Amino acid sequence: MIHPIPNFVARSRPSWVAGQLYAHHHQFAAHNRADLKIRMEKMANASSAFPFFRATAHLFYLDMATHPSAFTTEHTAYTWLTGDAHLGNFGARRDSSGTAVFGIADFDEGYFGQYIWDLRRLAASMVLLGRQNHIADGGITNAIQSLAGAYENRLATFRGDRSELRFRLTEDNTSGVVQDTIRRAAQASSTRLLDKYTERNPGGLRRFVDAHEDLAPVTAGTRGALLAAMDNYAASIPPALRQGPAFYNVLDVRQRLGAGMGSLGKMRWYLLLQGNDDQVLLEAKQAIPSAVCGAGGPVMLPETYGGHEGCRQARTQRAHQVDPDPMNGWTMVEGMHCYVHQKSGSERDFDPQDLTTAGKLETAARYLGMALASAHALADQDADSESPRYNIIKHITELLGSSSSFQQELVSFAYGYSVQVELDWQAFRDARRAGTALY
């Protein structure tokens, strides 16, 4: 009989929090202090601890190293995680076949680890966001139980027949906020982002808008480095998906400012490519080691990602999606590992602020559980040649069985860990007010 572990025992640790925040942020300080300032302001001035939680995956995984689950084994530690599966990291997109689908939308922290770490991070975010949206704890508890049940049930359906390669969350099999997000992706203009950031010159080619508040010019040296990086980027794309050399001709470049939450501080560049029928907007973003490494456990073999953090992120996306972005790849820019992908006007983020009632949260939780199960299953041994050769579906489903204790443990953890996040958020704000160096 498996019994749930006790509730997470939260503790005040102001010096530790300040030290860990400084260590994490300081690596970006030499290149991007402006975004770090925005990051600090967003975390400090938010109405709840949810944005702080989004931005501190490194703290979460350090805690996972010392807080095991009764529902894990050495075998389940080889799950290829999304790594940062909170409520703000899901979304809808039109895949390479043109179908609008819903699923995980962030791959920065992709790495091997215990499957339950993805579920725990998502469940804790439900408590933090649910309370921010004034949802009673009873409704939040029901949503976490629905998340766990949907994950278990969907993963069990994938055993033995490779049906994970055919499963999609689409407008036809969803409802509520998830369905609304898919519909927005289906109806979106493919040129929306191009129109937002660029304008056409008299010859019909696009250039970035000079005075756009989200973009900044780059030095001649950085421009040269970005152009020089394109050959290696193109080579990282599978040959069957690779375009001709003219497609990757760079027309214009800018630094992207103030984007995201957990990624604020990393260098990001937008590149305007010649493309085919119209220009293409590409993002190259600095890639660093996954926060999941802080929890210990198995390491990815060198052949899985070649020691390149951008490659790790790109291959995580390829492993976790059916019909992924065909322009997904990696390169080096000014000594930095970079993850490169297309910025598409059809992408729509799942907005947690729309989860304003217990019913909306619980309905969404079911689809989030299915999406997470799908990602884990797709990255299992039989997904593609780049995935780990390990039968994760079998190990997790045999471990979980039909035990309701799994749901109880997840609920207990989520509420206990939310208290820790609140304490850490307060420690951060106190340190900031005291003038403690945080980057």
Protein backbone atom coordinates (compact mmCIF):
# COMPACT_ATOMS: atom_id res chain seq x y z
CA MET A 1 0.00 0.00 0.00
CA ILE A 2 1.43 3.39 -1.04
CA HIS A 3 0.78 6.21 1.37
CA PRO A 4 1.05 9.92 0.58
CA ILE A 5 3.94 11.81 2.10
CA PRO A 6 3.26 14.62 4.60
CA ASN A 7 2.49 18.13 3.48
CA PHE A 8 5.47 20.18 2.27
CA VAL A 9 6.99 21.81 5.35
CA ALA A 10 7.53 25.46 4.39
CA ARG A 11 10.20 27.53 6.12
CA SER A 12 11.45 31.09 6.11
CA ARG A 13 14.87 31.32 4.41
CA PRO A 14 15.55 34.95 3.44
CA SER A 15 19.34 34.75 3.12
CA TRP A 16 19.18 31.59 1.05
CA VAL A 17 16.56 33.06 -1.30
CA ALA A 18 18.53 36.27 -1.83
CA GLY A 19 21.72 34.30 -2.51
CA GLN A 20 20.07 31.96 -5.00
CA LEU A 21 18.38 34.82 -6.83
CA TYR A 22 21.68 36.68 -7.14
CA ALA A 23 23.51 33.60 -8.38
CA HIS A 24 20.87 32.94 -11.04
CA HIS A 25 20.44 36.53 -12.25
CA HIS A 26 24.07 37.63 -12.19
CA GLN A 27 24.92 35.51 -15.23
CA PHE A 28 22.81 37.91 -17.33
CA ALA A 29 23.88 41.18 -15.71
CA ALA A 30 26.79 41.98 -18.03
CA HIS A 31 24.63 41.85 -21.16
CA ASN A 32 21.05 42.67 -20.22
CA ARG A 33 20.61 44.70 -17.03
CA ALA A 34 17.60 46.54 -18.49
CA ASP A 35 15.54 43.34 -18.71
CA LEU A 36 16.70 42.27 -15.24
CA LYS A 37 15.33 45.54 -13.85
CA ILE A 38 11.98 44.80 -15.52
CA ARG A 39 12.07 41.28 -14.09
CA MET A 40 12.59 42.57 -10.55
CA GLU A 41 9.76 45.08 -10.93
CA LYS A 42 7.33 42.49 -12.30
CA MET A 43 8.06 40.08 -9.45
CA ALA A 44 7.95 42.72 -6.72
CA ASN A 45 4.88 44.67 -7.85
CA ALA A 46 2.60 41.77 -8.79
CA SER A 47 -0.70 41.28 -6.99
CA SER A 48 0.24 37.73 -5.98
CA ALA A 49 3.20 35.36 -5.75
CA PHE A 50 2.31 33.70 -9.08
CA PRO A 51 4.70 35.82 -11.24
CA PHE A 52 7.51 35.18 -8.73
CA PHE A 53 6.81 31.45 -9.00
CA ARG A 54 6.92 31.66 -12.81
CA ALA A 55 10.33 33.32 -12.68
CA THR A 56 12.00 31.00 -10.15
CA ALA A 57 12.02 27.48 -11.54
CA HIS A 58 15.58 27.19 -10.21
CA LEU A 59 14.30 27.51 -6.62
CA PHE A 60 11.57 24.94 -7.24
CA TYR A 61 13.99 22.28 -8.48
CA LEU A 62 16.44 22.82 -5.65
CA ASP A 63 13.51 21.98 -3.37
CA MET A 64 12.61 18.90 -5.39
CA ALA A 65 16.07 17.51 -4.63
CA THR A 66 15.10 17.19 -0.97
CA HIS A 67 11.38 16.38 -1.25
CA PRO A 68 10.76 12.99 -2.88
CA SER A 69 7.41 11.50 -3.79
CA ALA A 70 5.99 8.11 -2.86
CA PHE A 71 4.91 7.74 -6.49
CA THR A 72 8.31 7.68 -8.18
CA THR A 73 11.01 5.11 -8.84
CA GLU A 74 14.48 5.19 -10.37
CA HIS A 75 12.83 4.26 -13.69
CA THR A 76 10.34 7.14 -13.78
CA ALA A 77 13.26 9.58 -13.36
CA TYR A 78 13.96 9.16 -17.10
CA THR A 79 10.84 11.04 -18.14
CA TRP A 80 11.69 13.78 -20.64
CA LEU A 81 10.08 16.71 -18.81
CA THR A 82 8.85 20.01 -20.16
CA GLY A 83 10.48 21.29 -16.97
CA ASP A 84 8.35 24.39 -16.39
CA ALA A 85 4.74 23.26 -16.71
CA HIS A 86 3.00 26.09 -14.86
CA LEU A 87 -0.34 27.54 -15.98
CA GLY A 88 1.28 30.26 -18.06
CA ASN A 89 3.31 27.90 -20.25
CA PHE A 90 0.54 26.29 -22.31
CA GLY A 91 -0.98 27.58 -25.50
CA ALA A 92 -2.44 26.91 -28.91
CA ARG A 93 -0.78 27.02 -32.31
CA ARG A 94 -1.35 25.94 -35.85
CA ASP A 95 0.96 22.99 -36.37
CA SER A 96 2.86 22.29 -39.57
CA SER A 97 -0.22 20.57 -41.00
CA GLY A 98 -2.33 23.70 -40.39
CA THR A 99 -4.39 22.22 -37.53
CA ALA A 100 -4.96 24.40 -34.45
CA VAL A 101 -3.84 22.34 -31.43
CA PHE A 102 -3.32 22.93 -27.71
CA GLY A 103 -0.38 21.85 -25.57
CA ILE A 104 2.78 22.79 -23.73
CA ALA A 105 4.32 25.96 -25.19
CA ASP A 106 7.65 26.43 -23.41
CA PHE A 107 10.71 24.18 -23.64
CA ASP A 108 13.49 26.18 -21.95
CA GLU A 109 13.78 23.77 -19.01
CA GLY A 110 13.31 20.49 -20.90
CA TYR A 111 15.36 17.71 -19.29
CA PHE A 112 15.18 14.23 -17.75
CA GLY A 113 13.52 13.98 -14.35
CA GLN A 114 10.64 12.56 -12.35
CA TYR A 115 7.35 12.93 -14.21
CA ILE A 116 5.76 14.19 -10.99
CA TRP A 117 7.90 17.34 -11.03
CA ASP A 118 5.95 18.63 -14.05
CA LEU A 119 2.67 17.78 -12.30
CA ARG A 120 3.79 19.36 -9.03
CA ARG A 121 4.82 22.61 -10.71
CA LEU A 122 1.50 22.79 -12.51
CA ALA A 123 -0.53 21.95 -9.39
CA ALA A 124 1.29 24.54 -7.26
CA SER A 125 0.63 27.17 -9.93
CA MET A 126 -3.09 26.30 -9.72
CA VAL A 127 -3.13 27.11 -6.01
CA LEU A 128 -1.28 30.40 -6.50
CA LEU A 129 -3.28 31.51 -9.53
CA GLY A 130 -6.60 30.19 -8.20
CA ARG A 131 -6.27 32.20 -5.00
CA GLN A 132 -5.19 35.26 -7.02
CA ASN A 133 -8.42 34.85 -9.01
CA HIS A 134 -10.45 34.51 -5.77
CA ILE A 135 -11.37 30.85 -6.28
CA ALA A 136 -12.12 28.97 -3.05
CA ASP A 137 -9.72 26.23 -1.98
CA GLY A 138 -12.41 23.58 -2.49
CA GLY A 139 -12.60 24.49 -6.18
CA ILE A 140 -8.82 24.49 -6.51
CA THR A 141 -8.61 21.06 -4.87
CA ASN A 142 -11.15 19.66 -7.32
CA ALA A 143 -9.12 21.09 -10.20
CA ILE A 144 -5.88 19.48 -9.00
CA GLN A 145 -7.64 16.14 -8.60
CA SER A 146 -9.01 16.52 -12.14
CA LEU A 147 -5.51 17.32 -13.40
CA ALA A 148 -4.08 14.17 -11.79
CA GLY A 149 -6.95 11.96 -12.94
CA ALA A 150 -6.78 13.20 -16.52
CA TYR A 151 -3.02 12.69 -16.62
CA GLU A 152 -3.33 9.11 -15.32
CA ASN A 153 -6.21 8.19 -17.61
CA ARG A 154 -4.76 9.68 -20.78
CA LEU A 155 -1.32 8.16 -20.21
CA ALA A 156 -2.93 4.74 -19.70
CA THR A 157 -4.65 4.97 -23.10
CA PHE A 158 -1.28 5.33 -24.82
CA ARG A 159 0.10 1.97 -23.72
CA GLY A 160 1.08 -0.37 -26.52
CA ASP A 161 -0.50 1.15 -29.63
CA ARG A 162 1.46 4.40 -30.19
CA SER A 163 -1.80 6.35 -30.17
CA GLU A 164 0.09 9.28 -28.66
CA LEU A 165 1.32 9.98 -32.19
CA ARG A 166 -2.29 10.58 -33.28
CA PHE A 167 -3.69 12.34 -30.20
CA ARG A 168 -4.50 16.06 -30.48
CA LEU A 169 -6.35 18.54 -28.30
CA THR A 170 -8.35 20.50 -30.87
CA GLU A 171 -11.46 22.66 -31.00
CA ASP A 172 -13.55 19.50 -31.52
CA ASN A 173 -12.58 17.67 -28.31
CA THR A 174 -12.17 20.55 -25.83
CA SER A 175 -14.32 23.20 -24.19
CA GLY A 176 -14.06 26.29 -22.01
CA VAL A 177 -10.97 28.49 -21.94
CA VAL A 178 -8.83 25.86 -23.68
CA GLN A 179 -11.25 25.68 -26.61
CA ASP A 180 -11.38 29.48 -26.79
CA THR A 181 -7.57 29.58 -26.99
CA ILE A 182 -7.58 27.04 -29.83
CA ARG A 183 -10.21 29.02 -31.73
CA ARG A 184 -8.14 32.19 -31.47
CA ALA A 185 -5.16 30.33 -32.92
CA ALA A 186 -7.27 28.92 -35.75
CA GLN A 187 -8.61 32.36 -36.68
CA ALA A 188 -5.35 34.29 -36.29
CA SER A 189 -3.59 35.92 -39.21
CA SER A 190 -0.26 34.34 -40.04
CA THR A 191 1.17 37.82 -40.67
CA ARG A 192 -0.03 39.37 -37.37
CA LEU A 193 3.41 39.59 -35.78
CA LEU A 194 5.06 40.71 -39.00
CA ASP A 195 2.57 43.55 -39.25
CA LYS A 196 3.17 44.46 -35.59
CA TYR A 197 6.95 44.73 -35.81
CA THR A 198 7.69 45.55 -39.45
CA GLU A 199 6.76 47.86 -42.31
CA ARG A 200 7.26 47.47 -46.04
CA ASN A 201 9.69 49.62 -47.99
CA PRO A 202 8.86 50.91 -51.49
CA GLY A 203 10.30 47.74 -52.98
CA GLY A 204 7.85 45.56 -51.00
CA LEU A 205 10.36 44.07 -48.57
CA ARG A 206 9.79 44.42 -44.85
CA ARG A 207 12.06 46.13 -42.32
CA PHE A 208 11.66 46.42 -38.57
CA VAL A 209 9.87 49.55 -37.37
CA ASP A 210 12.65 51.83 -36.13
CA ALA A 211 10.83 53.31 -33.14
CA HIS A 212 9.09 50.15 -31.86
CA GLU A 213 9.16 50.13 -28.05
CA ASP A 214 9.83 46.38 -27.84
CA LEU A 215 12.85 46.44 -30.17
CA ALA A 216 16.31 47.97 -29.98
CA PRO A 217 19.08 48.35 -32.54
CA VAL A 218 22.11 46.07 -32.30
CA THR A 219 25.76 46.92 -32.75
CA ALA A 220 27.54 46.14 -35.99
CA GLY A 221 29.44 43.41 -34.17
CA THR A 222 26.28 41.72 -32.92
CA ARG A 223 24.66 42.00 -36.33
CA GLY A 224 27.69 40.33 -37.88
CA ALA A 225 27.61 37.56 -35.26
CA LEU A 226 23.93 36.89 -35.92
CA LEU A 227 24.45 36.71 -39.67
CA ALA A 228 27.44 34.41 -39.20
CA ALA A 229 25.35 32.12 -36.98
CA MET A 230 22.77 31.42 -39.68
CA ASP A 231 24.70 28.66 -41.44
CA ASN A 232 24.96 26.59 -38.26
CA TYR A 233 21.30 27.29 -37.49
CA ALA A 234 20.18 26.08 -40.92
CA ALA A 235 22.32 22.97 -40.52
CA SER A 236 20.52 22.15 -37.24
CA ILE A 237 17.19 21.80 -39.06
CA PRO A 238 16.44 18.25 -40.27
CA PRO A 239 17.33 17.97 -43.98
CA ALA A 240 13.76 17.12 -45.00
CA LEU A 241 12.55 20.42 -43.50
CA ARG A 242 15.47 22.62 -44.52
CA GLN A 243 14.85 25.39 -47.04
CA GLY A 244 17.24 26.64 -49.72
CA PRO A 245 20.00 29.09 -48.76
CA ALA A 246 18.12 32.18 -50.00
CA PHE A 247 15.31 31.51 -47.50
CA TYR A 248 17.69 32.21 -44.58
CA ASN A 249 19.00 35.50 -45.97
CA VAL A 250 18.78 38.01 -43.09
CA LEU A 251 17.17 41.33 -44.07
CA ASP A 252 17.14 43.02 -40.65
CA VAL A 253 17.86 42.32 -36.96
CA ARG A 254 16.84 43.81 -33.61
CA GLN A 255 17.18 42.97 -29.93
CA ARG A 256 13.85 42.00 -28.34
CA LEU A 257 13.21 43.78 -25.03
CA GLY A 258 11.02 43.01 -22.01
CA ALA A 259 9.55 39.71 -23.24
CA GLY A 260 8.27 36.93 -21.00
CA MET A 261 8.72 36.42 -17.28
CA GLY A 262 11.04 33.51 -16.53
CA SER A 263 13.21 34.42 -19.55
CA LEU A 264 13.70 38.09 -18.70
CA GLY A 265 17.43 38.73 -18.58
CA LYS A 266 18.33 36.32 -21.37
CA MET A 267 19.44 37.88 -24.64
CA ARG A 268 16.81 37.66 -27.37
CA TRP A 269 17.04 38.78 -30.98
CA TYR A 270 14.48 39.02 -33.76
CA LEU A 271 15.73 38.30 -37.26
CA LEU A 272 13.76 39.07 -40.40
CA LEU A 273 14.45 36.42 -43.05
CA GLN A 274 13.80 36.63 -46.76
CA GLY A 275 11.62 33.50 -46.69
CA ASN A 276 9.63 32.43 -49.74
CA ASP A 277 6.32 34.21 -50.46
CA ASP A 278 6.74 36.64 -47.55
CA GLN A 279 9.39 37.43 -45.00
CA VAL A 280 9.72 35.26 -41.88
CA LEU A 281 10.18 36.43 -38.27
CA LEU A 282 12.71 34.36 -36.34
CA GLU A 283 13.72 34.52 -32.68
CA ALA A 284 17.15 33.54 -31.36
CA LYS A 285 17.17 33.35 -27.56
CA GLN A 286 20.03 32.68 -25.15
CA ALA A 287 19.85 29.15 -23.72
CA ILE A 288 21.28 28.16 -20.34
CA PRO A 289 21.38 24.80 -18.48
CA SER A 290 17.98 23.51 -17.39
CA ALA A 291 16.78 24.33 -13.87
CA VAL A 292 15.80 20.66 -13.58
CA CYS A 293 19.49 19.85 -13.06
CA GLY A 294 19.16 21.38 -9.58
CA ALA A 295 17.05 18.43 -8.47
CA GLY A 296 19.71 15.86 -9.31
CA GLY A 297 18.96 12.52 -10.91
CA PRO A 298 19.80 11.18 -14.38
CA VAL A 299 21.65 13.37 -16.83
CA MET A 300 21.01 13.59 -20.53
CA LEU A 301 23.57 11.66 -22.55
CA PRO A 302 25.84 13.83 -24.72
CA GLU A 303 24.39 12.36 -27.91
CA THR A 304 20.92 13.56 -26.89
CA TYR A 305 21.80 17.23 -27.22
CA GLY A 306 25.52 17.49 -27.94
CA GLY A 307 26.18 19.59 -24.85
CA HIS A 308 24.43 22.54 -26.54
CA GLU A 309 21.64 24.09 -24.45
CA GLY A 310 19.85 25.45 -27.52
CA CYS A 311 19.90 21.98 -29.04
CA ARG A 312 18.45 20.59 -25.80
CA GLN A 313 15.52 23.01 -26.01
CA ALA A 314 14.91 22.43 -29.71
CA ARG A 315 14.96 18.65 -29.30
CA THR A 316 12.65 18.90 -26.31
CA GLN A 317 10.14 20.69 -28.51
CA ARG A 318 10.54 18.13 -31.30
CA ALA A 319 10.11 15.29 -28.82
CA HIS A 320 7.03 16.79 -27.12
CA GLN A 321 4.97 17.83 -30.14
CA VAL A 322 3.40 16.23 -33.17
CA ASP A 323 4.16 18.32 -36.28
CA PRO A 324 6.42 20.79 -34.42
CA ASP A 325 7.78 24.07 -35.75
CA PRO A 326 9.81 23.09 -38.86
CA MET A 327 12.14 26.05 -38.24
CA ASN A 328 13.06 24.90 -34.75
CA GLY A 329 16.86 24.78 -34.33
CA TRP A 330 19.93 26.11 -32.54
CA THR A 331 23.20 27.99 -33.02
CA MET A 332 25.89 30.03 -31.23
CA VAL A 333 25.88 33.85 -31.05
CA GLU A 334 28.77 35.75 -29.48
CA GLY A 335 29.72 32.69 -27.45
CA MET A 336 26.14 32.10 -26.23
CA HIS A 337 24.14 28.93 -26.82
CA CYS A 338 20.91 29.97 -28.56
CA TYR A 339 17.57 28.29 -29.25
CA VAL A 340 16.06 29.46 -32.55
CA HIS A 341 12.46 29.21 -33.72
CA GLN A 342 9.89 31.01 -35.82
CA LYS A 343 7.65 33.62 -34.21
CA SER A 344 4.25 32.84 -35.67
CA GLY A 345 1.17 35.04 -35.71
CA SER A 346 -1.00 31.96 -35.17
CA GLU A 347 0.34 31.23 -31.67
CA ARG A 348 -2.00 32.09 -28.81
CA ASP A 349 -1.01 31.88 -25.15
CA PHE A 350 -3.33 30.25 -22.65
CA ASP A 351 -4.20 33.12 -20.30
CA PRO A 352 -4.57 31.98 -16.66
CA GLN A 353 -6.36 35.24 -15.87
CA ASP A 354 -9.35 33.85 -17.79
CA LEU A 355 -9.78 31.12 -15.15
CA THR A 356 -12.14 33.22 -13.05
CA THR A 357 -14.34 30.48 -11.58
CA ALA A 358 -13.85 27.06 -10.04
CA GLY A 359 -15.66 25.49 -12.98
CA LYS A 360 -13.39 27.13 -15.54
CA LEU A 361 -10.30 26.05 -13.60
CA GLU A 362 -11.44 22.45 -13.24
CA THR A 363 -12.42 22.16 -16.91
CA ALA A 364 -9.06 23.56 -17.99
CA ALA A 365 -7.22 21.29 -15.55
CA ARG A 366 -8.51 18.18 -17.33
CA TYR A 367 -7.08 19.32 -20.65
CA LEU A 368 -3.82 20.44 -19.07
CA GLY A 369 -3.43 16.96 -17.58
CA MET A 370 -4.05 15.41 -21.00
CA ALA A 371 -1.59 17.80 -22.64
CA LEU A 372 1.11 16.92 -20.13
CA ALA A 373 0.48 13.19 -20.52
CA SER A 374 0.71 13.62 -24.29
CA ALA A 375 4.05 15.45 -24.04
CA HIS A 376 5.55 12.80 -21.75
CA ALA A 377 4.26 9.98 -23.93
CA LEU A 378 5.50 11.52 -27.18
CA ALA A 379 9.01 11.77 -25.72
CA ASP A 380 8.90 8.09 -24.74
CA GLN A 381 11.10 5.43 -26.35
CA ASP A 382 9.10 4.94 -29.55
CA ALA A 383 8.43 8.58 -30.51
CA ASP A 384 11.39 9.31 -32.80
CA SER A 385 15.09 8.69 -33.19
CA GLU A 386 16.05 11.65 -30.98
CA SER A 387 14.02 10.51 -27.94
CA PRO A 388 15.39 8.47 -25.03
CA ARG A 389 15.05 4.73 -25.51
CA TYR A 390 13.01 4.18 -22.38
CA ASN A 391 9.43 2.99 -21.84
CA ILE A 392 8.21 5.78 -19.56
CA ILE A 393 4.52 5.12 -20.25
CA LYS A 394 4.82 1.58 -18.91
CA HIS A 395 6.77 2.56 -15.79
CA ILE A 396 4.47 5.43 -14.80
CA THR A 397 1.15 3.69 -15.46
CA GLU A 398 2.20 0.54 -13.61
CA LEU A 399 3.32 2.63 -10.65
CA LEU A 400 0.14 4.70 -10.42
CA GLY A 401 -2.42 1.99 -11.05
CA SER A 402 -5.78 3.27 -9.81
CA SER A 403 -4.66 4.62 -6.44
CA SER A 404 -6.49 7.71 -5.20
CA SER A 405 -3.51 8.36 -2.90
CA PHE A 406 -1.63 9.84 -5.85
CA GLN A 407 -4.18 12.62 -6.14
CA GLN A 408 -4.09 13.19 -2.40
CA GLU A 409 -0.32 13.53 -2.41
CA LEU A 410 -0.39 16.01 -5.29
CA VAL A 411 -3.01 18.16 -3.57
CA SER A 412 -1.08 18.08 -0.30
CA PHE A 413 2.13 19.10 -2.02
CA ALA A 414 0.52 21.91 -3.99
CA TYR A 415 -0.91 23.64 -0.94
CA GLY A 416 2.23 23.13 1.14
CA TYR A 417 4.53 24.38 -1.58
CA SER A 418 2.36 27.43 -2.24
CA VAL A 419 3.13 28.50 1.34
CA GLN A 420 6.85 28.19 0.58
CA VAL A 421 6.47 30.33 -2.54
CA GLU A 422 4.66 33.02 -0.54
CA LEU A 423 7.47 33.05 2.05
CA ASP A 424 10.15 33.21 -0.64
CA TRP A 425 8.32 36.00 -2.46
CA GLN A 426 8.18 38.02 0.75
CA ALA A 427 11.88 37.36 1.34
CA PHE A 428 12.65 38.63 -2.15
CA ARG A 429 10.61 41.80 -1.67
CA ASP A 430 12.23 42.44 1.72
CA ALA A 431 15.69 42.00 0.21
CA ARG A 432 14.88 44.35 -2.65
CA ARG A 433 13.61 47.04 -0.29
CA ALA A 434 16.76 46.64 1.81
CA GLY A 435 18.94 47.24 -1.23
CA THR A 436 20.35 43.70 -1.34
CA ALA A 437 22.06 42.92 -4.63
CA LEU A 438 19.79 40.51 -6.56
CA TYR A 439 21.69 40.57 -9.85
